[in-house]
Amino acid sequence: MKREVLTVEEALQRGQALPWAWVRSLSSVSLGLRPAEINTDALLEARFFGPETEIRLFRSGGALRAAALTPEAGDKTIQRRFDIENPIFGASITVRYTLEADEDGQMNRTVACLIGWEG
């Protein structure tokens, strides 16, 4: 999994090119089609995503930080589709897990990226 550190401005700009978002702020949570604007003052976490990329914004040490996650050739992955029980958040979400072997050769999930959403 390729991990790229971004500025908040870069993350917001690149996130606008992706179709879906999960946004958690002090007063609300949303999941679905990407909103046109994000209020970063109250933002706790945001994940913009599409089939190949996830852009994450998150709070660390009180500051807003950002990163992009994209698969690389040779990554071992599995995908799971999860039904969403609360219809306000849609019908399902799909997650890609990146797998890596530990020192005993057993596979472990190391990264989880959102890659799909159905309303």
PDB file of N, CA and C in Angstrom:
ATOM      1  N   MET A   1       0.851  -1.173   0.000  1.00  0.00           N
ATOM      2  CA  MET A   1       0.000   0.000   0.000  1.00  0.00           C
ATOM      3  C   MET A   1       0.892   1.229   0.000  1.00  0.00           C
ATOM      4  N   LYS A   2       0.663   2.089  -0.943  1.00  0.00           N
ATOM      5  CA  LYS A   2       1.422   3.338  -1.006  1.00  0.00           C
ATOM      6  C   LYS A   2       0.745   4.353  -0.100  1.00  0.00           C
ATOM      7  N   ARG A   3       1.525   4.935   0.805  1.00  0.00           N
ATOM      8  CA  ARG A   3       1.042   5.965   1.726  1.00  0.00           C
ATOM      9  C   ARG A   3       1.752   7.268   1.390  1.00  0.00           C
ATOM     10  N   GLU A   4       0.965   8.301   1.142  1.00  0.00           N
ATOM     11  CA  GLU A   4       1.518   9.599   0.753  1.00  0.00           C
ATOM     12  C   GLU A   4       0.998  10.662   1.724  1.00  0.00           C
ATOM     13  N   VAL A   5       1.896  11.394   2.355  1.00  0.00           N
ATOM     14  CA  VAL A   5       1.509  12.486   3.243  1.00  0.00           C
ATOM     15  C   VAL A   5       1.100  13.684   2.398  1.00  0.00           C
ATOM     16  N   LEU A   6      -0.030  14.279   2.739  1.00  0.00           N
ATOM     17  CA  LEU A   6      -0.560  15.435   2.005  1.00  0.00           C
ATOM     18  C   LEU A   6      -0.770  16.597   2.958  1.00  0.00           C
ATOM     19  N   THR A   7      -0.835  17.792   2.391  1.00  0.00           N
ATOM     20  CA  THR A   7      -1.315  18.928   3.172  1.00  0.00           C
ATOM     21  C   THR A   7      -2.843  18.822   3.225  1.00  0.00           C
ATOM     22  N   VAL A   8      -3.459  19.509   4.159  1.00  0.00           N
ATOM     23  CA  VAL A   8      -4.913  19.498   4.256  1.00  0.00           C
ATOM     24  C   VAL A   8      -5.531  20.040   2.973  1.00  0.00           C
ATOM     25  N   GLU A   9      -4.941  21.092   2.425  1.00  0.00           N
ATOM     26  CA  GLU A   9      -5.461  21.684   1.194  1.00  0.00           C
ATOM     27  C   GLU A   9      -5.377  20.691   0.035  1.00  0.00           C
ATOM     28  N   GLU A  10      -4.248  19.988  -0.093  1.00  0.00           N
ATOM     29  CA  GLU A  10      -4.113  18.968  -1.145  1.00  0.00           C
ATOM     30  C   GLU A  10      -5.151  17.863  -0.970  1.00  0.00           C
ATOM     31  N   ALA A  11      -5.348  17.433   0.267  1.00  0.00           N
ATOM     32  CA  ALA A  11      -6.306  16.366   0.535  1.00  0.00           C
ATOM     33  C   ALA A  11      -7.723  16.783   0.162  1.00  0.00           C
ATOM     34  N   LEU A  12      -8.105  17.993   0.533  1.00  0.00           N
ATOM     35  CA  LEU A  12      -9.442  18.469   0.188  1.00  0.00           C
ATOM     36  C   LEU A  12      -9.611  18.588  -1.320  1.00  0.00           C
ATOM     37  N   GLN A  13      -8.589  19.066  -2.011  1.00  0.00           N
ATOM     38  CA  GLN A  13      -8.652  19.195  -3.462  1.00  0.00           C
ATOM     39  C   GLN A  13      -8.738  17.817  -4.128  1.00  0.00           C
ATOM     40  N   ARG A  14      -7.877  16.900  -3.739  1.00  0.00           N
ATOM     41  CA  ARG A  14      -7.887  15.559  -4.328  1.00  0.00           C
ATOM     42  C   ARG A  14      -9.142  14.780  -3.934  1.00  0.00           C
ATOM     43  N   GLY A  15      -9.654  15.041  -2.747  1.00  0.00           N
ATOM     44  CA  GLY A  15     -10.887  14.390  -2.309  1.00  0.00           C
ATOM     45  C   GLY A  15     -12.082  14.763  -3.157  1.00  0.00           C
ATOM     46  N   GLN A  16     -12.066  15.968  -3.734  1.00  0.00           N
ATOM     47  CA  GLN A  16     -13.174  16.402  -4.591  1.00  0.00           C
ATOM     48  C   GLN A  16     -13.274  15.587  -5.885  1.00  0.00           C
ATOM     49  N   ALA A  17     -12.213  14.874  -6.250  1.00  0.00           N
ATOM     50  CA  ALA A  17     -12.229  14.039  -7.451  1.00  0.00           C
ATOM     51  C   ALA A  17     -12.787  12.642  -7.178  1.00  0.00           C
ATOM     52  N   LEU A  18     -13.038  12.314  -5.913  1.00  0.00           N
ATOM     53  CA  LEU A  18     -13.528  10.982  -5.552  1.00  0.00           C
ATOM     54  C   LEU A  18     -15.031  11.032  -5.301  1.00  0.00           C
ATOM     55  N   PRO A  19     -15.743   9.941  -5.581  1.00  0.00           N
ATOM     56  CA  PRO A  19     -17.214  10.001  -5.544  1.00  0.00           C
ATOM     57  C   PRO A  19     -17.859   9.970  -4.160  1.00  0.00           C
ATOM     58  N   TRP A  20     -17.219   9.336  -3.164  1.00  0.00           N
ATOM     59  CA  TRP A  20     -17.878   9.115  -1.878  1.00  0.00           C
ATOM     60  C   TRP A  20     -17.052   9.662  -0.719  1.00  0.00           C
ATOM     61  N   ALA A  21     -17.730   9.853   0.412  1.00  0.00           N
ATOM     62  CA  ALA A  21     -17.028  10.340   1.603  1.00  0.00           C
ATOM     63  C   ALA A  21     -17.732   9.866   2.866  1.00  0.00           C
ATOM     64  N   TRP A  22     -16.932   9.617   3.883  1.00  0.00           N
ATOM     65  CA  TRP A  22     -17.393   9.402   5.243  1.00  0.00           C
ATOM     66  C   TRP A  22     -16.804  10.557   6.034  1.00  0.00           C
ATOM     67  N   VAL A  23     -17.659  11.373   6.649  1.00  0.00           N
ATOM     68  CA  VAL A  23     -17.220  12.587   7.332  1.00  0.00           C
ATOM     69  C   VAL A  23     -17.768  12.574   8.753  1.00  0.00           C
ATOM     70  N   ARG A  24     -16.864  12.754   9.711  1.00  0.00           N
ATOM     71  CA  ARG A  24     -17.248  12.790  11.126  1.00  0.00           C
ATOM     72  C   ARG A  24     -16.770  14.118  11.703  1.00  0.00           C
ATOM     73  N   SER A  25     -17.719  14.891  12.209  1.00  0.00           N
ATOM     74  CA  SER A  25     -17.384  16.180  12.815  1.00  0.00           C
ATOM     75  C   SER A  25     -17.913  16.188  14.245  1.00  0.00           C
ATOM     76  N   LEU A  26     -17.733  17.302  14.938  1.00  0.00           N
ATOM     77  CA  LEU A  26     -18.200  17.403  16.318  1.00  0.00           C
ATOM     78  C   LEU A  26     -19.709  17.243  16.427  1.00  0.00           C
ATOM     79  N   SER A  27     -20.446  17.618  15.388  1.00  0.00           N
ATOM     80  CA  SER A  27     -21.904  17.613  15.489  1.00  0.00           C
ATOM     81  C   SER A  27     -22.615  16.633  14.568  1.00  0.00           C
ATOM     82  N   SER A  28     -21.889  15.923  13.689  1.00  0.00           N
ATOM     83  CA  SER A  28     -22.594  15.038  12.761  1.00  0.00           C
ATOM     84  C   SER A  28     -21.675  13.963  12.173  1.00  0.00           C
ATOM     85  N   VAL A  29     -22.315  12.976  11.569  1.00  0.00           N
ATOM     86  CA  VAL A  29     -21.630  11.933  10.805  1.00  0.00           C
ATOM     87  C   VAL A  29     -22.397  11.766   9.509  1.00  0.00           C
ATOM     88  N   SER A  30     -21.668  11.676   8.391  1.00  0.00           N
ATOM     89  CA  SER A  30     -22.330  11.424   7.113  1.00  0.00           C
ATOM     90  C   SER A  30     -21.537  10.394   6.327  1.00  0.00           C
ATOM     91  N   LEU A  31     -22.239   9.636   5.512  1.00  0.00           N
ATOM     92  CA  LEU A  31     -21.642   8.639   4.639  1.00  0.00           C
ATOM     93  C   LEU A  31     -22.443   8.624   3.362  1.00  0.00           C
ATOM     94  N   GLY A  32     -21.752   8.727   2.231  1.00  0.00           N
ATOM     95  CA  GLY A  32     -22.450   8.691   0.959  1.00  0.00           C
ATOM     96  C   GLY A  32     -21.718   9.490  -0.092  1.00  0.00           C
ATOM     97  N   LEU A  33     -22.492  10.123  -0.954  1.00  0.00           N
ATOM     98  CA  LEU A  33     -21.892  10.950  -1.991  1.00  0.00           C
ATOM     99  C   LEU A  33     -21.087  12.073  -1.355  1.00  0.00           C
ATOM    100  N   ARG A  34     -19.964  12.383  -1.957  1.00  0.00           N
ATOM    101  CA  ARG A  34     -19.055  13.396  -1.425  1.00  0.00           C
ATOM    102  C   ARG A  34     -19.757  14.749  -1.326  1.00  0.00           C
ATOM    103  N   PRO A  35     -19.671  15.407  -0.158  1.00  0.00           N
ATOM    104  CA  PRO A  35     -20.265  16.736  -0.031  1.00  0.00           C
ATOM    105  C   PRO A  35     -19.453  17.766  -0.821  1.00  0.00           C
ATOM    106  N   ALA A  36     -20.112  18.829  -1.215  1.00  0.00           N
ATOM    107  CA  ALA A  36     -19.442  19.876  -1.997  1.00  0.00           C
ATOM    108  C   ALA A  36     -18.400  20.607  -1.160  1.00  0.00           C
ATOM    109  N   GLU A  37     -18.677  20.785   0.144  1.00  0.00           N
ATOM    110  CA  GLU A  37     -17.751  21.504   1.014  1.00  0.00           C
ATOM    111  C   GLU A  37     -17.653  20.800   2.365  1.00  0.00           C
ATOM    112  N   ILE A  38     -16.500  20.984   3.014  1.00  0.00           N
ATOM    113  CA  ILE A  38     -16.255  20.408   4.336  1.00  0.00           C
ATOM    114  C   ILE A  38     -15.809  21.539   5.263  1.00  0.00           C
ATOM    115  N   ASN A  39     -16.438  21.638   6.429  1.00  0.00           N
ATOM    116  CA  ASN A  39     -16.021  22.606   7.438  1.00  0.00           C
ATOM    117  C   ASN A  39     -14.894  21.973   8.251  1.00  0.00           C
ATOM    118  N   THR A  40     -13.674  22.384   8.026  1.00  0.00           N
ATOM    119  CA  THR A  40     -12.531  21.765   8.702  1.00  0.00           C
ATOM    120  C   THR A  40     -12.388  22.212  10.159  1.00  0.00           C
ATOM    121  N   ASP A  41     -13.052  23.286  10.554  1.00  0.00           N
ATOM    122  CA  ASP A  41     -12.954  23.744  11.945  1.00  0.00           C
ATOM    123  C   ASP A  41     -13.507  22.705  12.920  1.00  0.00           C
ATOM    124  N   ALA A  42     -14.616  22.060  12.572  1.00  0.00           N
ATOM    125  CA  ALA A  42     -15.261  21.080  13.449  1.00  0.00           C
ATOM    126  C   ALA A  42     -14.951  19.640  13.038  1.00  0.00           C
ATOM    127  N   LEU A  43     -14.128  19.461  12.022  1.00  0.00           N
ATOM    128  CA  LEU A  43     -13.857  18.126  11.483  1.00  0.00           C
ATOM    129  C   LEU A  43     -13.004  17.291  12.430  1.00  0.00           C
ATOM    130  N   LEU A  44     -13.442  16.075  12.688  1.00  0.00           N
ATOM    131  CA  LEU A  44     -12.653  15.116  13.444  1.00  0.00           C
ATOM    132  C   LEU A  44     -11.924  14.164  12.502  1.00  0.00           C
ATOM    133  N   GLU A  45     -12.648  13.712  11.470  1.00  0.00           N
ATOM    134  CA  GLU A  45     -12.079  12.755  10.522  1.00  0.00           C
ATOM    135  C   GLU A  45     -12.904  12.762   9.246  1.00  0.00           C
ATOM    136  N   ALA A  46     -12.238  12.602   8.103  1.00  0.00           N
ATOM    137  CA  ALA A  46     -12.927  12.454   6.825  1.00  0.00           C
ATOM    138  C   ALA A  46     -12.170  11.446   5.978  1.00  0.00           C
ATOM    139  N   ARG A  47     -12.929  10.650   5.245  1.00  0.00           N
ATOM    140  CA  ARG A  47     -12.341   9.674   4.335  1.00  0.00           C
ATOM    141  C   ARG A  47     -13.055   9.819   3.003  1.00  0.00           C
ATOM    142  N   PHE A  48     -12.360  10.382   2.017  1.00  0.00           N
ATOM    143  CA  PHE A  48     -12.870  10.478   0.655  1.00  0.00           C
ATOM    144  C   PHE A  48     -12.398   9.218  -0.064  1.00  0.00           C
ATOM    145  N   PHE A  49     -13.269   8.582  -0.841  1.00  0.00           N
ATOM    146  CA  PHE A  49     -12.839   7.327  -1.428  1.00  0.00           C
ATOM    147  C   PHE A  49     -13.509   7.024  -2.758  1.00  0.00           C
ATOM    148  N   GLY A  50     -12.805   6.203  -3.519  1.00  0.00           N
ATOM    149  CA  GLY A  50     -13.268   5.660  -4.781  1.00  0.00           C
ATOM    150  C   GLY A  50     -12.700   4.259  -4.915  1.00  0.00           C
ATOM    151  N   PRO A  51     -12.864   3.623  -6.059  1.00  0.00           N
ATOM    152  CA  PRO A  51     -12.417   2.237  -6.208  1.00  0.00           C
ATOM    153  C   PRO A  51     -10.917   2.012  -6.017  1.00  0.00           C
ATOM    154  N   GLU A  52     -10.084   3.020  -6.228  1.00  0.00           N
ATOM    155  CA  GLU A  52      -8.639   2.823  -6.155  1.00  0.00           C
ATOM    156  C   GLU A  52      -7.919   3.651  -5.097  1.00  0.00           C
ATOM    157  N   THR A  53      -8.537   4.709  -4.593  1.00  0.00           N
ATOM    158  CA  THR A  53      -7.839   5.642  -3.713  1.00  0.00           C
ATOM    159  C   THR A  53      -8.698   6.013  -2.521  1.00  0.00           C
ATOM    160  N   GLU A  54      -8.038   6.209  -1.377  1.00  0.00           N
ATOM    161  CA  GLU A  54      -8.701   6.806  -0.230  1.00  0.00           C
ATOM    162  C   GLU A  54      -7.844   7.965   0.264  1.00  0.00           C
ATOM    163  N   ILE A  55      -8.483   9.112   0.466  1.00  0.00           N
ATOM    164  CA  ILE A  55      -7.832  10.295   1.026  1.00  0.00           C
ATOM    165  C   ILE A  55      -8.376  10.448   2.442  1.00  0.00           C
ATOM    166  N   ARG A  56      -7.467  10.507   3.420  1.00  0.00           N
ATOM    167  CA  ARG A  56      -7.878  10.613   4.818  1.00  0.00           C
ATOM    168  C   ARG A  56      -7.448  11.939   5.415  1.00  0.00           C
ATOM    169  N   LEU A  57      -8.350  12.552   6.136  1.00  0.00           N
ATOM    170  CA  LEU A  57      -8.048  13.697   6.994  1.00  0.00           C
ATOM    171  C   LEU A  57      -8.357  13.256   8.413  1.00  0.00           C
ATOM    172  N   PHE A  58      -7.485  13.602   9.357  1.00  0.00           N
ATOM    173  CA  PHE A  58      -7.659  13.155  10.733  1.00  0.00           C
ATOM    174  C   PHE A  58      -6.955  14.114  11.673  1.00  0.00           C
ATOM    175  N   ARG A  59      -7.404  14.114  12.911  1.00  0.00           N
ATOM    176  CA  ARG A  59      -6.793  14.944  13.952  1.00  0.00           C
ATOM    177  C   ARG A  59      -5.696  14.145  14.643  1.00  0.00           C
ATOM    178  N   SER A  60      -4.549  14.784  14.820  1.00  0.00           N
ATOM    179  CA  SER A  60      -3.436  14.186  15.547  1.00  0.00           C
ATOM    180  C   SER A  60      -2.743  15.297  16.309  1.00  0.00           C
ATOM    181  N   GLY A  61      -2.664  15.156  17.614  1.00  0.00           N
ATOM    182  CA  GLY A  61      -2.055  16.192  18.432  1.00  0.00           C
ATOM    183  C   GLY A  61      -2.762  17.522  18.309  1.00  0.00           C
ATOM    184  N   GLY A  62      -4.065  17.491  18.050  1.00  0.00           N
ATOM    185  CA  GLY A  62      -4.853  18.705  17.928  1.00  0.00           C
ATOM    186  C   GLY A  62      -4.832  19.336  16.543  1.00  0.00           C
ATOM    187  N   ALA A  63      -3.931  18.875  15.665  1.00  0.00           N
ATOM    188  CA  ALA A  63      -3.827  19.436  14.320  1.00  0.00           C
ATOM    189  C   ALA A  63      -4.466  18.499  13.296  1.00  0.00           C
ATOM    190  N   LEU A  64      -4.980  19.083  12.234  1.00  0.00           N
ATOM    191  CA  LEU A  64      -5.549  18.309  11.142  1.00  0.00           C
ATOM    192  C   LEU A  64      -4.419  17.863  10.220  1.00  0.00           C
ATOM    193  N   ARG A  65      -4.374  16.583   9.917  1.00  0.00           N
ATOM    194  CA  ARG A  65      -3.351  15.996   9.047  1.00  0.00           C
ATOM    195  C   ARG A  65      -4.043  15.245   7.924  1.00  0.00           C
ATOM    196  N   ALA A  66      -3.265  14.867   6.889  1.00  0.00           N
ATOM    197  CA  ALA A  66      -3.878  14.200   5.737  1.00  0.00           C
ATOM    198  C   ALA A  66      -2.919  13.217   5.090  1.00  0.00           C
ATOM    199  N   ALA A  67      -3.508  12.199   4.445  1.00  0.00           N
ATOM    200  CA  ALA A  67      -2.728  11.191   3.744  1.00  0.00           C
ATOM    201  C   ALA A  67      -3.566  10.593   2.628  1.00  0.00           C
ATOM    202  N   ALA A  68      -2.878  10.065   1.615  1.00  0.00           N
ATOM    203  CA  ALA A  68      -3.519   9.338   0.519  1.00  0.00           C
ATOM    204  C   ALA A  68      -3.035   7.901   0.552  1.00  0.00           C
ATOM    205  N   LEU A  69      -3.949   6.971   0.338  1.00  0.00           N
ATOM    206  CA  LEU A  69      -3.629   5.551   0.309  1.00  0.00           C
ATOM    207  C   LEU A  69      -4.048   4.978  -1.043  1.00  0.00           C
ATOM    208  N   THR A  70      -3.111   4.352  -1.735  1.00  0.00           N
ATOM    209  CA  THR A  70      -3.400   3.729  -3.026  1.00  0.00           C
ATOM    210  C   THR A  70      -2.727   2.365  -3.084  1.00  0.00           C
ATOM    211  N   PRO A  71      -3.359   1.401  -3.761  1.00  0.00           N
ATOM    212  CA  PRO A  71      -2.744   0.078  -3.865  1.00  0.00           C
ATOM    213  C   PRO A  71      -1.534   0.111  -4.791  1.00  0.00           C
ATOM    214  N   GLU A  72      -0.618  -0.815  -4.542  1.00  0.00           N
ATOM    215  CA  GLU A  72       0.572  -0.962  -5.384  1.00  0.00           C
ATOM    216  C   GLU A  72       0.572  -2.353  -5.998  1.00  0.00           C
ATOM    217  N   ALA A  73       1.259  -2.489  -7.118  1.00  0.00           N
ATOM    218  CA  ALA A  73       1.392  -3.796  -7.755  1.00  0.00           C
ATOM    219  C   ALA A  73       2.016  -4.761  -6.753  1.00  0.00           C
ATOM    220  N   GLY A  74       1.482  -5.945  -6.672  1.00  0.00           N
ATOM    221  CA  GLY A  74       2.007  -6.947  -5.757  1.00  0.00           C
ATOM    222  C   GLY A  74       1.355  -6.963  -4.397  1.00  0.00           C
ATOM    223  N   ASP A  75       0.527  -5.963  -4.077  1.00  0.00           N
ATOM    224  CA  ASP A  75      -0.185  -5.982  -2.797  1.00  0.00           C
ATOM    225  C   ASP A  75      -1.112  -7.194  -2.742  1.00  0.00           C
ATOM    226  N   LYS A  76      -1.153  -7.842  -1.615  1.00  0.00           N
ATOM    227  CA  LYS A  76      -2.110  -8.912  -1.380  1.00  0.00           C
ATOM    228  C   LYS A  76      -3.303  -8.279  -0.676  1.00  0.00           C
ATOM    229  N   THR A  77      -4.490  -8.422  -1.266  1.00  0.00           N
ATOM    230  CA  THR A  77      -5.670  -7.772  -0.707  1.00  0.00           C
ATOM    231  C   THR A  77      -6.872  -8.712  -0.731  1.00  0.00           C
ATOM    232  N   ILE A  78      -7.834  -8.392   0.096  1.00  0.00           N
ATOM    233  CA  ILE A  78      -9.155  -9.003   0.035  1.00  0.00           C
ATOM    234  C   ILE A  78     -10.170  -7.874   0.153  1.00  0.00           C
ATOM    235  N   GLN A  79     -11.356  -8.105  -0.387  1.00  0.00           N
ATOM    236  CA  GLN A  79     -12.422  -7.112  -0.311  1.00  0.00           C
ATOM    237  C   GLN A  79     -13.620  -7.727   0.382  1.00  0.00           C
ATOM    238  N   ARG A  80     -14.310  -6.903   1.184  1.00  0.00           N
ATOM    239  CA  ARG A  80     -15.535  -7.340   1.850  1.00  0.00           C
ATOM    240  C   ARG A  80     -16.585  -6.261   1.693  1.00  0.00           C
ATOM    241  N   ARG A  81     -17.785  -6.698   1.396  1.00  0.00           N
ATOM    242  CA  ARG A  81     -18.936  -5.794   1.312  1.00  0.00           C
ATOM    243  C   ARG A  81     -19.754  -5.987   2.580  1.00  0.00           C
ATOM    244  N   PHE A  82     -20.081  -4.878   3.239  1.00  0.00           N
ATOM    245  CA  PHE A  82     -20.840  -4.926   4.482  1.00  0.00           C
ATOM    246  C   PHE A  82     -22.179  -4.231   4.286  1.00  0.00           C
ATOM    247  N   ASP A  83     -23.252  -4.885   4.691  1.00  0.00           N
ATOM    248  CA  ASP A  83     -24.563  -4.246   4.684  1.00  0.00           C
ATOM    249  C   ASP A  83     -24.611  -3.241   5.829  1.00  0.00           C
ATOM    250  N   ILE A  84     -25.254  -2.115   5.571  1.00  0.00           N
ATOM    251  CA  ILE A  84     -25.414  -1.065   6.583  1.00  0.00           C
ATOM    252  C   ILE A  84     -26.822  -1.186   7.152  1.00  0.00           C
ATOM    253  N   GLU A  85     -26.924  -1.293   8.454  1.00  0.00           N
ATOM    254  CA  GLU A  85     -28.231  -1.485   9.081  1.00  0.00           C
ATOM    255  C   GLU A  85     -29.058  -0.209   9.161  1.00  0.00           C
ATOM    256  N   ASN A  86     -28.413   0.942   9.285  1.00  0.00           N
ATOM    257  CA  ASN A  86     -29.135   2.208   9.376  1.00  0.00           C
ATOM    258  C   ASN A  86     -29.271   2.795   7.970  1.00  0.00           C
ATOM    259  N   PRO A  87     -30.482   2.828   7.405  1.00  0.00           N
ATOM    260  CA  PRO A  87     -30.649   3.277   6.015  1.00  0.00           C
ATOM    261  C   PRO A  87     -30.269   4.728   5.763  1.00  0.00           C
ATOM    262  N   ILE A  88     -30.137   5.533   6.805  1.00  0.00           N
ATOM    263  CA  ILE A  88     -29.724   6.919   6.607  1.00  0.00           C
ATOM    264  C   ILE A  88     -28.307   6.989   6.028  1.00  0.00           C
ATOM    265  N   PHE A  89     -27.501   5.922   6.247  1.00  0.00           N
ATOM    266  CA  PHE A  89     -26.128   5.890   5.763  1.00  0.00           C
ATOM    267  C   PHE A  89     -25.970   5.081   4.474  1.00  0.00           C
ATOM    268  N   GLY A  90     -27.059   4.598   3.914  1.00  0.00           N
ATOM    269  CA  GLY A  90     -26.994   3.840   2.664  1.00  0.00           C
ATOM    270  C   GLY A  90     -27.259   2.366   2.884  1.00  0.00           C
ATOM    271  N   ALA A  91     -27.000   1.574   1.831  1.00  0.00           N
ATOM    272  CA  ALA A  91     -27.293   0.140   1.861  1.00  0.00           C
ATOM    273  C   ALA A  91     -26.068  -0.708   2.188  1.00  0.00           C
ATOM    274  N   SER A  92     -24.891  -0.331   1.626  1.00  0.00           N
ATOM    275  CA  SER A  92     -23.689  -1.137   1.874  1.00  0.00           C
ATOM    276  C   SER A  92     -22.427  -0.317   1.661  1.00  0.00           C
ATOM    277  N   ILE A  93     -21.343  -0.840   2.205  1.00  0.00           N
ATOM    278  CA  ILE A  93     -20.029  -0.236   2.026  1.00  0.00           C
ATOM    279  C   ILE A  93     -19.038  -1.362   1.742  1.00  0.00           C
ATOM    280  N   THR A  94     -18.056  -1.089   0.884  1.00  0.00           N
ATOM    281  CA  THR A  94     -17.051  -2.092   0.535  1.00  0.00           C
ATOM    282  C   THR A  94     -15.693  -1.627   1.037  1.00  0.00           C
ATOM    283  N   VAL A  95     -14.966  -2.565   1.651  1.00  0.00           N
ATOM    284  CA  VAL A  95     -13.666  -2.288   2.258  1.00  0.00           C
ATOM    285  C   VAL A  95     -12.626  -3.203   1.632  1.00  0.00           C
ATOM    286  N   ARG A  96     -11.470  -2.635   1.291  1.00  0.00           N
ATOM    287  CA  ARG A  96     -10.324  -3.423   0.827  1.00  0.00           C
ATOM    288  C   ARG A  96      -9.317  -3.505   1.958  1.00  0.00           C
ATOM    289  N   TYR A  97      -8.931  -4.725   2.318  1.00  0.00           N
ATOM    290  CA  TYR A  97      -7.919  -4.957   3.342  1.00  0.00           C
ATOM    291  C   TYR A  97      -6.618  -5.349   2.667  1.00  0.00           C
ATOM    292  N   THR A  98      -5.529  -4.718   3.062  1.00  0.00           N
ATOM    293  CA  THR A  98      -4.202  -5.109   2.602  1.00  0.00           C
ATOM    294  C   THR A  98      -3.652  -6.117   3.606  1.00  0.00           C
ATOM    295  N   LEU A  99      -3.077  -7.197   3.093  1.00  0.00           N
ATOM    296  CA  LEU A  99      -2.572  -8.278   3.922  1.00  0.00           C
ATOM    297  C   LEU A  99      -1.056  -8.325   3.860  1.00  0.00           C
ATOM    298  N   GLU A 100      -0.439  -8.606   5.003  1.00  0.00           N
ATOM    299  CA  GLU A 100       1.014  -8.793   5.062  1.00  0.00           C
ATOM    300  C   GLU A 100       1.301  -9.971   5.969  1.00  0.00           C
ATOM    301  N   ALA A 101       2.351 -10.702   5.636  1.00  0.00           N
ATOM    302  CA  ALA A 101       2.736 -11.864   6.436  1.00  0.00           C
ATOM    303  C   ALA A 101       3.563 -11.419   7.634  1.00  0.00           C
ATOM    304  N   ASP A 102       3.317 -12.067   8.792  1.00  0.00           N
ATOM    305  CA  ASP A 102       4.144 -11.800   9.966  1.00  0.00           C
ATOM    306  C   ASP A 102       5.371 -12.718   9.938  1.00  0.00           C
ATOM    307  N   GLU A 103       6.163 -12.691  11.012  1.00  0.00           N
ATOM    308  CA  GLU A 103       7.409 -13.467  11.040  1.00  0.00           C
ATOM    309  C   GLU A 103       7.167 -14.972  10.973  1.00  0.00           C
ATOM    310  N   ASP A 104       5.933 -15.417  11.277  1.00  0.00           N
ATOM    311  CA  ASP A 104       5.595 -16.839  11.193  1.00  0.00           C
ATOM    312  C   ASP A 104       4.936 -17.209   9.866  1.00  0.00           C
ATOM    313  N   GLY A 105       4.782 -16.221   8.987  1.00  0.00           N
ATOM    314  CA  GLY A 105       4.162 -16.471   7.692  1.00  0.00           C
ATOM    315  C   GLY A 105       2.649 -16.389   7.694  1.00  0.00           C
ATOM    316  N   GLN A 106       2.053 -15.998   8.812  1.00  0.00           N
ATOM    317  CA  GLN A 106       0.610 -15.862   8.878  1.00  0.00           C
ATOM    318  C   GLN A 106       0.206 -14.484   8.359  1.00  0.00           C
ATOM    319  N   MET A 107      -0.874 -14.457   7.573  1.00  0.00           N
ATOM    320  CA  MET A 107      -1.334 -13.205   6.977  1.00  0.00           C
ATOM    321  C   MET A 107      -2.169 -12.407   7.978  1.00  0.00           C
ATOM    322  N   ASN A 108      -1.908 -11.113   8.041  1.00  0.00           N
ATOM    323  CA  ASN A 108      -2.631 -10.191   8.904  1.00  0.00           C
ATOM    324  C   ASN A 108      -3.121  -9.010   8.087  1.00  0.00           C
ATOM    325  N   ARG A 109      -4.284  -8.494   8.469  1.00  0.00           N
ATOM    326  CA  ARG A 109      -4.780  -7.270   7.840  1.00  0.00           C
ATOM    327  C   ARG A 109      -3.993  -6.100   8.402  1.00  0.00           C
ATOM    328  N   THR A 110      -3.410  -5.279   7.524  1.00  0.00           N
ATOM    329  CA  THR A 110      -2.609  -4.156   7.999  1.00  0.00           C
ATOM    330  C   THR A 110      -3.243  -2.802   7.701  1.00  0.00           C
ATOM    331  N   VAL A 111      -3.994  -2.704   6.618  1.00  0.00           N
ATOM    332  CA  VAL A 111      -4.627  -1.441   6.238  1.00  0.00           C
ATOM    333  C   VAL A 111      -6.041  -1.754   5.734  1.00  0.00           C
ATOM    334  N   ALA A 112      -7.001  -0.935   6.133  1.00  0.00           N
ATOM    335  CA  ALA A 112      -8.374  -1.048   5.642  1.00  0.00           C
ATOM    336  C   ALA A 112      -8.729   0.245   4.927  1.00  0.00           C
ATOM    337  N   CYS A 113      -9.109   0.143   3.651  1.00  0.00           N
ATOM    338  CA  CYS A 113      -9.500   1.313   2.860  1.00  0.00           C
ATOM    339  C   CYS A 113     -10.922   1.157   2.377  1.00  0.00           C
ATOM    340  N   LEU A 114     -11.688   2.222   2.483  1.00  0.00           N
ATOM    341  CA  LEU A 114     -13.027   2.236   1.908  1.00  0.00           C
ATOM    342  C   LEU A 114     -12.901   2.353   0.403  1.00  0.00           C
ATOM    343  N   ILE A 115     -13.633   1.533  -0.356  1.00  0.00           N
ATOM    344  CA  ILE A 115     -13.506   1.583  -1.822  1.00  0.00           C
ATOM    345  C   ILE A 115     -14.858   1.615  -2.549  1.00  0.00           C
ATOM    346  N   GLY A 116     -15.968   1.475  -1.840  1.00  0.00           N
ATOM    347  CA  GLY A 116     -17.262   1.488  -2.515  1.00  0.00           C
ATOM    348  C   GLY A 116     -18.402   1.765  -1.557  1.00  0.00           C
ATOM    349  N   TRP A 117     -19.470   2.341  -2.093  1.00  0.00           N
ATOM    350  CA  TRP A 117     -20.659   2.646  -1.304  1.00  0.00           C
ATOM    351  C   TRP A 117     -21.883   2.523  -2.203  1.00  0.00           C
ATOM    352  N   GLU A 118     -22.955   1.974  -1.669  1.00  0.00           N
ATOM    353  CA  GLU A 118     -24.237   1.908  -2.374  1.00  0.00           C
ATOM    354  C   GLU A 118     -25.299   2.545  -1.511  1.00  0.00           C
ATOM    355  N   GLY A 119     -26.092   3.413  -2.132  1.00  0.00           N
ATOM    356  CA  GLY A 119     -27.143   4.125  -1.408  1.00  0.00           C
ATOM    357  C   GLY A 119     -28.349   3.356  -1.331  1.00  0.00           C
TER     358      GLY A 119
END
